[in-house]
């Protein structure tokens, strides 16, 4: 798990008087989805999306 997520889970656990293990056990799929969403926004696409303005070169 990402270090930042673990730190945030620790803060959430303290605020709700529970353990990080319990937070992760019950909310792991939501935590993973949130991290994927953050990564998706942060990463630049290497391949243009279909339908974009991509000019094809001449074929030999």
PDB file of N, CA and C in Angstrom:
ATOM      1  N   UNK A   1       0.851  -1.179   0.000  1.00  0.00           N
ATOM      2  CA  UNK A   1       0.000   0.000   0.000  1.00  0.00           C
ATOM      3  C   UNK A   1       0.894   1.239   0.000  1.00  0.00           C
ATOM      4  N   UNK A   2       0.455   2.251  -0.623  1.00  0.00           N
ATOM      5  CA  UNK A   2       1.179   3.512  -0.737  1.00  0.00           C
ATOM      6  C   UNK A   2       1.404   4.102   0.655  1.00  0.00           C
ATOM      7  N   UNK A   3       2.580   4.682   0.881  1.00  0.00           N
ATOM      8  CA  UNK A   3       2.932   5.226   2.202  1.00  0.00           C
ATOM      9  C   UNK A   3       1.966   6.322   2.648  1.00  0.00           C
ATOM     10  N   UNK A   4       1.555   7.174   1.712  1.00  0.00           N
ATOM     11  CA  UNK A   4       0.619   8.254   2.056  1.00  0.00           C
ATOM     12  C   UNK A   4      -0.726   7.684   2.492  1.00  0.00           C
ATOM     13  N   UNK A   5      -1.173   6.636   1.822  1.00  0.00           N
ATOM     14  CA  UNK A   5      -2.445   6.011   2.195  1.00  0.00           C
ATOM     15  C   UNK A   5      -2.354   5.426   3.596  1.00  0.00           C
ATOM     16  N   UNK A   6      -1.224   4.797   3.927  1.00  0.00           N
ATOM     17  CA  UNK A   6      -1.053   4.234   5.268  1.00  0.00           C
ATOM     18  C   UNK A   6      -1.090   5.338   6.324  1.00  0.00           C
ATOM     19  N   UNK A   7      -0.445   6.456   6.016  1.00  0.00           N
ATOM     20  CA  UNK A   7      -0.438   7.583   6.957  1.00  0.00           C
ATOM     21  C   UNK A   7      -1.856   8.116   7.150  1.00  0.00           C
ATOM     22  N   UNK A   8      -2.582   8.287   6.064  1.00  0.00           N
ATOM     23  CA  UNK A   8      -3.960   8.771   6.156  1.00  0.00           C
ATOM     24  C   UNK A   8      -4.842   7.774   6.890  1.00  0.00           C
ATOM     25  N   UNK A   9      -4.627   6.480   6.656  1.00  0.00           N
ATOM     26  CA  UNK A   9      -5.402   5.459   7.359  1.00  0.00           C
ATOM     27  C   UNK A   9      -5.141   5.536   8.857  1.00  0.00           C
ATOM     28  N   UNK A  10      -3.906   5.834   9.235  1.00  0.00           N
ATOM     29  CA  UNK A  10      -3.576   5.983  10.651  1.00  0.00           C
ATOM     30  C   UNK A  10      -4.328   7.145  11.278  1.00  0.00           C
ATOM     31  N   UNK A  11      -4.420   8.244  10.554  1.00  0.00           N
ATOM     32  CA  UNK A  11      -5.148   9.408  11.057  1.00  0.00           C
ATOM     33  C   UNK A  11      -6.639   9.103  11.176  1.00  0.00           C
ATOM     34  N   UNK A  12      -7.192   8.435  10.178  1.00  0.00           N
ATOM     35  CA  UNK A  12      -8.615   8.068  10.208  1.00  0.00           C
ATOM     36  C   UNK A  12      -8.878   7.125  11.376  1.00  0.00           C
ATOM     37  N   UNK A  13      -7.990   6.150  11.559  1.00  0.00           N
ATOM     38  CA  UNK A  13      -8.157   5.191  12.652  1.00  0.00           C
ATOM     39  C   UNK A  13      -8.150   5.902  14.011  1.00  0.00           C
ATOM     40  N   UNK A  14      -7.239   6.844  14.192  1.00  0.00           N
ATOM     41  CA  UNK A  14      -7.184   7.589  15.462  1.00  0.00           C
ATOM     42  C   UNK A  14      -8.465   8.386  15.687  1.00  0.00           C
ATOM     43  N   UNK A  15      -8.928   9.053  14.638  1.00  0.00           N
ATOM     44  CA  UNK A  15     -10.132   9.877  14.771  1.00  0.00           C
ATOM     45  C   UNK A  15     -11.373   9.050  15.113  1.00  0.00           C
ATOM     46  N   UNK A  16     -11.387   7.792  14.674  1.00  0.00           N
ATOM     47  CA  UNK A  16     -12.570   6.956  14.876  1.00  0.00           C
ATOM     48  C   UNK A  16     -12.346   5.858  15.913  1.00  0.00           C
ATOM     49  N   UNK A  17     -11.251   6.007  16.674  1.00  0.00           N
ATOM     50  CA  UNK A  17     -10.969   5.094  17.776  1.00  0.00           C
ATOM     51  C   UNK A  17     -10.991   3.629  17.337  1.00  0.00           C
ATOM     52  N   UNK A  18     -10.262   3.344  16.255  1.00  0.00           N
ATOM     53  CA  UNK A  18     -10.145   1.976  15.758  1.00  0.00           C
ATOM     54  C   UNK A  18      -8.719   1.772  15.269  1.00  0.00           C
ATOM     55  N   UNK A  19      -8.440   0.630  14.701  1.00  0.00           N
ATOM     56  CA  UNK A  19      -7.083   0.338  14.239  1.00  0.00           C
ATOM     57  C   UNK A  19      -6.978   0.469  12.722  1.00  0.00           C
ATOM     58  N   UNK A  20      -5.746   0.663  12.258  1.00  0.00           N
ATOM     59  CA  UNK A  20      -5.493   0.721  10.816  1.00  0.00           C
ATOM     60  C   UNK A  20      -5.901  -0.606  10.175  1.00  0.00           C
ATOM     61  N   UNK A  21      -5.635  -1.700  10.883  1.00  0.00           N
ATOM     62  CA  UNK A  21      -5.988  -3.027  10.360  1.00  0.00           C
ATOM     63  C   UNK A  21      -7.492  -3.125  10.087  1.00  0.00           C
ATOM     64  N   UNK A  22      -8.303  -2.615  10.988  1.00  0.00           N
ATOM     65  CA  UNK A  22      -9.761  -2.661  10.794  1.00  0.00           C
ATOM     66  C   UNK A  22     -10.193  -1.757   9.639  1.00  0.00           C
ATOM     67  N   UNK A  23      -9.588  -0.575   9.534  1.00  0.00           N
ATOM     68  CA  UNK A  23      -9.900   0.331   8.421  1.00  0.00           C
ATOM     69  C   UNK A  23      -9.584  -0.373   7.105  1.00  0.00           C
ATOM     70  N   UNK A  24      -8.388  -0.964   7.014  1.00  0.00           N
ATOM     71  CA  UNK A  24      -7.978  -1.633   5.781  1.00  0.00           C
ATOM     72  C   UNK A  24      -8.841  -2.855   5.488  1.00  0.00           C
ATOM     73  N   UNK A  25      -9.221  -3.587   6.515  1.00  0.00           N
ATOM     74  CA  UNK A  25     -10.032  -4.788   6.308  1.00  0.00           C
ATOM     75  C   UNK A  25     -11.390  -4.440   5.697  1.00  0.00           C
ATOM     76  N   UNK A  26     -12.005  -3.387   6.181  1.00  0.00           N
ATOM     77  CA  UNK A  26     -13.358  -3.053   5.746  1.00  0.00           C
ATOM     78  C   UNK A  26     -13.421  -2.109   4.546  1.00  0.00           C
ATOM     79  N   UNK A  27     -12.361  -1.345   4.323  1.00  0.00           N
ATOM     80  CA  UNK A  27     -12.413  -0.326   3.267  1.00  0.00           C
ATOM     81  C   UNK A  27     -11.310  -0.470   2.223  1.00  0.00           C
ATOM     82  N   UNK A  28     -10.633  -1.604   2.172  1.00  0.00           N
ATOM     83  CA  UNK A  28      -9.500  -1.793   1.261  1.00  0.00           C
ATOM     84  C   UNK A  28      -9.868  -1.529  -0.192  1.00  0.00           C
ATOM     85  N   UNK A  29     -11.024  -2.017  -0.643  1.00  0.00           N
ATOM     86  CA  UNK A  29     -11.369  -1.827  -2.059  1.00  0.00           C
ATOM     87  C   UNK A  29     -11.617  -0.356  -2.380  1.00  0.00           C
ATOM     88  N   UNK A  30     -12.133   0.400  -1.414  1.00  0.00           N
ATOM     89  CA  UNK A  30     -12.364   1.828  -1.637  1.00  0.00           C
ATOM     90  C   UNK A  30     -11.052   2.604  -1.610  1.00  0.00           C
ATOM     91  N   UNK A  31     -10.149   2.197  -0.722  1.00  0.00           N
ATOM     92  CA  UNK A  31      -8.842   2.842  -0.636  1.00  0.00           C
ATOM     93  C   UNK A  31      -8.069   2.603  -1.927  1.00  0.00           C
ATOM     94  N   UNK A  32      -8.082   1.362  -2.417  1.00  0.00           N
ATOM     95  CA  UNK A  32      -7.376   1.035  -3.659  1.00  0.00           C
ATOM     96  C   UNK A  32      -7.954   1.813  -4.833  1.00  0.00           C
ATOM     97  N   UNK A  33      -9.263   1.918  -4.899  1.00  0.00           N
ATOM     98  CA  UNK A  33      -9.905   2.651  -5.998  1.00  0.00           C
ATOM     99  C   UNK A  33      -9.532   4.131  -5.948  1.00  0.00           C
ATOM    100  N   UNK A  34      -9.472   4.692  -4.756  1.00  0.00           N
ATOM    101  CA  UNK A  34      -9.107   6.107  -4.620  1.00  0.00           C
ATOM    102  C   UNK A  34      -7.665   6.335  -5.054  1.00  0.00           C
ATOM    103  N   UNK A  35      -6.767   5.410  -4.690  1.00  0.00           N
ATOM    104  CA  UNK A  35      -5.371   5.538  -5.105  1.00  0.00           C
ATOM    105  C   UNK A  35      -5.237   5.410  -6.616  1.00  0.00           C
ATOM    106  N   UNK A  36      -6.017   4.506  -7.223  1.00  0.00           N
ATOM    107  CA  UNK A  36      -5.993   4.364  -8.681  1.00  0.00           C
ATOM    108  C   UNK A  36      -6.471   5.645  -9.351  1.00  0.00           C
ATOM    109  N   UNK A  37      -7.500   6.262  -8.804  1.00  0.00           N
ATOM    110  CA  UNK A  37      -8.008   7.521  -9.365  1.00  0.00           C
ATOM    111  C   UNK A  37      -6.951   8.621  -9.275  1.00  0.00           C
ATOM    112  N   UNK A  38      -6.255   8.698  -8.141  1.00  0.00           N
ATOM    113  CA  UNK A  38      -5.196   9.692  -7.985  1.00  0.00           C
ATOM    114  C   UNK A  38      -4.062   9.442  -8.970  1.00  0.00           C
ATOM    115  N   UNK A  39      -3.673   8.182  -9.130  1.00  0.00           N
ATOM    116  CA  UNK A  39      -2.592   7.843 -10.053  1.00  0.00           C
ATOM    117  C   UNK A  39      -2.992   8.138 -11.491  1.00  0.00           C
ATOM    118  N   UNK A  40      -4.225   7.849 -11.838  1.00  0.00           N
ATOM    119  CA  UNK A  40      -4.706   8.072 -13.203  1.00  0.00           C
ATOM    120  C   UNK A  40      -4.621   9.551 -13.571  1.00  0.00           C
ATOM    121  N   UNK A  41      -4.914  10.419 -12.643  1.00  0.00           N
ATOM    122  CA  UNK A  41      -4.857  11.858 -12.894  1.00  0.00           C
ATOM    123  C   UNK A  41      -3.404  12.332 -12.970  1.00  0.00           C
ATOM    124  N   UNK A  42      -2.529  11.735 -12.176  1.00  0.00           N
ATOM    125  CA  UNK A  42      -1.143  12.185 -12.084  1.00  0.00           C
ATOM    126  C   UNK A  42      -0.278  11.714 -13.247  1.00  0.00           C
ATOM    127  N   UNK A  43      -0.627  10.602 -13.870  1.00  0.00           N
ATOM    128  CA  UNK A  43       0.199  10.015 -14.922  1.00  0.00           C
ATOM    129  C   UNK A  43      -0.186  10.596 -16.276  1.00  0.00           C
ATOM    130  N   UNK A  44       0.823  10.976 -17.035  1.00  0.00           N
ATOM    131  CA  UNK A  44       0.575  11.471 -18.385  1.00  0.00           C
ATOM    132  C   UNK A  44       0.377  10.292 -19.326  1.00  0.00           C
ATOM    133  N   UNK A  45      -0.609  10.354 -20.188  1.00  0.00           N
ATOM    134  CA  UNK A  45      -0.820   9.249 -21.125  1.00  0.00           C
ATOM    135  C   UNK A  45       0.304   9.197 -22.162  1.00  0.00           C
ATOM    136  N   UNK A  46       0.828   8.002 -22.420  1.00  0.00           N
ATOM    137  CA  UNK A  46       1.880   7.826 -23.413  1.00  0.00           C
ATOM    138  C   UNK A  46       1.304   7.571 -24.797  1.00  0.00           C
ATOM    139  N   UNK A  47       0.089   7.094 -24.843  1.00  0.00           N
ATOM    140  CA  UNK A  47      -0.578   6.799 -26.105  1.00  0.00           C
ATOM    141  C   UNK A  47      -1.792   7.711 -26.197  1.00  0.00           C
ATOM    142  N   UNK A  48      -1.927   8.434 -27.313  1.00  0.00           N
ATOM    143  CA  UNK A  48      -3.086   9.317 -27.434  1.00  0.00           C
ATOM    144  C   UNK A  48      -4.392   8.527 -27.456  1.00  0.00           C
ATOM    145  N   UNK A  49      -5.424   9.134 -26.951  1.00  0.00           N
ATOM    146  CA  UNK A  49      -6.743   8.502 -26.973  1.00  0.00           C
ATOM    147  C   UNK A  49      -7.223   8.394 -28.407  1.00  0.00           C
ATOM    148  N   UNK A  50      -8.000   7.388 -28.702  1.00  0.00           N
ATOM    149  CA  UNK A  50      -8.499   7.217 -30.062  1.00  0.00           C
ATOM    150  C   UNK A  50      -9.395   8.390 -30.435  1.00  0.00           C
ATOM    151  N   UNK A  51      -9.328   8.768 -31.701  1.00  0.00           N
ATOM    152  CA  UNK A  51     -10.141   9.876 -32.160  1.00  0.00           C
ATOM    153  C   UNK A  51      -9.480  11.224 -31.972  1.00  0.00           C
ATOM    154  N   UNK A  52      -8.229  11.221 -31.516  1.00  0.00           N
ATOM    155  CA  UNK A  52      -7.520  12.479 -31.318  1.00  0.00           C
ATOM    156  C   UNK A  52      -6.973  13.012 -32.632  1.00  0.00           C
ATOM    157  N   UNK A  53      -6.277  14.107 -32.563  1.00  0.00           N
ATOM    158  CA  UNK A  53      -5.678  14.723 -33.745  1.00  0.00           C
ATOM    159  C   UNK A  53      -4.300  14.127 -34.003  1.00  0.00           C
ATOM    160  N   UNK A  54      -4.260  12.889 -34.424  1.00  0.00           N
ATOM    161  CA  UNK A  54      -3.004  12.219 -34.716  1.00  0.00           C
ATOM    162  C   UNK A  54      -2.861  12.135 -36.223  1.00  0.00           C
ATOM    163  N   UNK A  55      -1.776  12.694 -36.735  1.00  0.00           N
ATOM    164  CA  UNK A  55      -1.534  12.659 -38.172  1.00  0.00           C
ATOM    165  C   UNK A  55      -0.708  11.426 -38.504  1.00  0.00           C
ATOM    166  N   UNK A  56      -1.164  10.679 -39.464  1.00  0.00           N
ATOM    167  CA  UNK A  56      -0.449   9.480 -39.883  1.00  0.00           C
ATOM    168  C   UNK A  56       0.559   9.862 -40.958  1.00  0.00           C
ATOM    169  N   UNK A  57       1.770   9.338 -40.864  1.00  0.00           N
ATOM    170  CA  UNK A  57       2.800   9.597 -41.867  1.00  0.00           C
ATOM    171  C   UNK A  57       2.579   8.743 -43.107  1.00  0.00           C
ATOM    172  N   UNK A  58       3.355   9.030 -44.139  1.00  0.00           N
ATOM    173  CA  UNK A  58       3.260   8.253 -45.376  1.00  0.00           C
ATOM    174  C   UNK A  58       3.852   6.877 -45.148  1.00  0.00           C
ATOM    175  N   UNK A  59       3.231   5.888 -45.716  1.00  0.00           N
ATOM    176  CA  UNK A  59       3.750   4.527 -45.644  1.00  0.00           C
ATOM    177  C   UNK A  59       4.648   4.289 -46.842  1.00  0.00           C
ATOM    178  N   UNK A  60       5.708   3.571 -46.635  1.00  0.00           N
ATOM    179  CA  UNK A  60       6.641   3.276 -47.737  1.00  0.00           C
ATOM    180  C   UNK A  60       6.146   2.152 -48.610  1.00  0.00           C
TER     181      UNK A  60
END
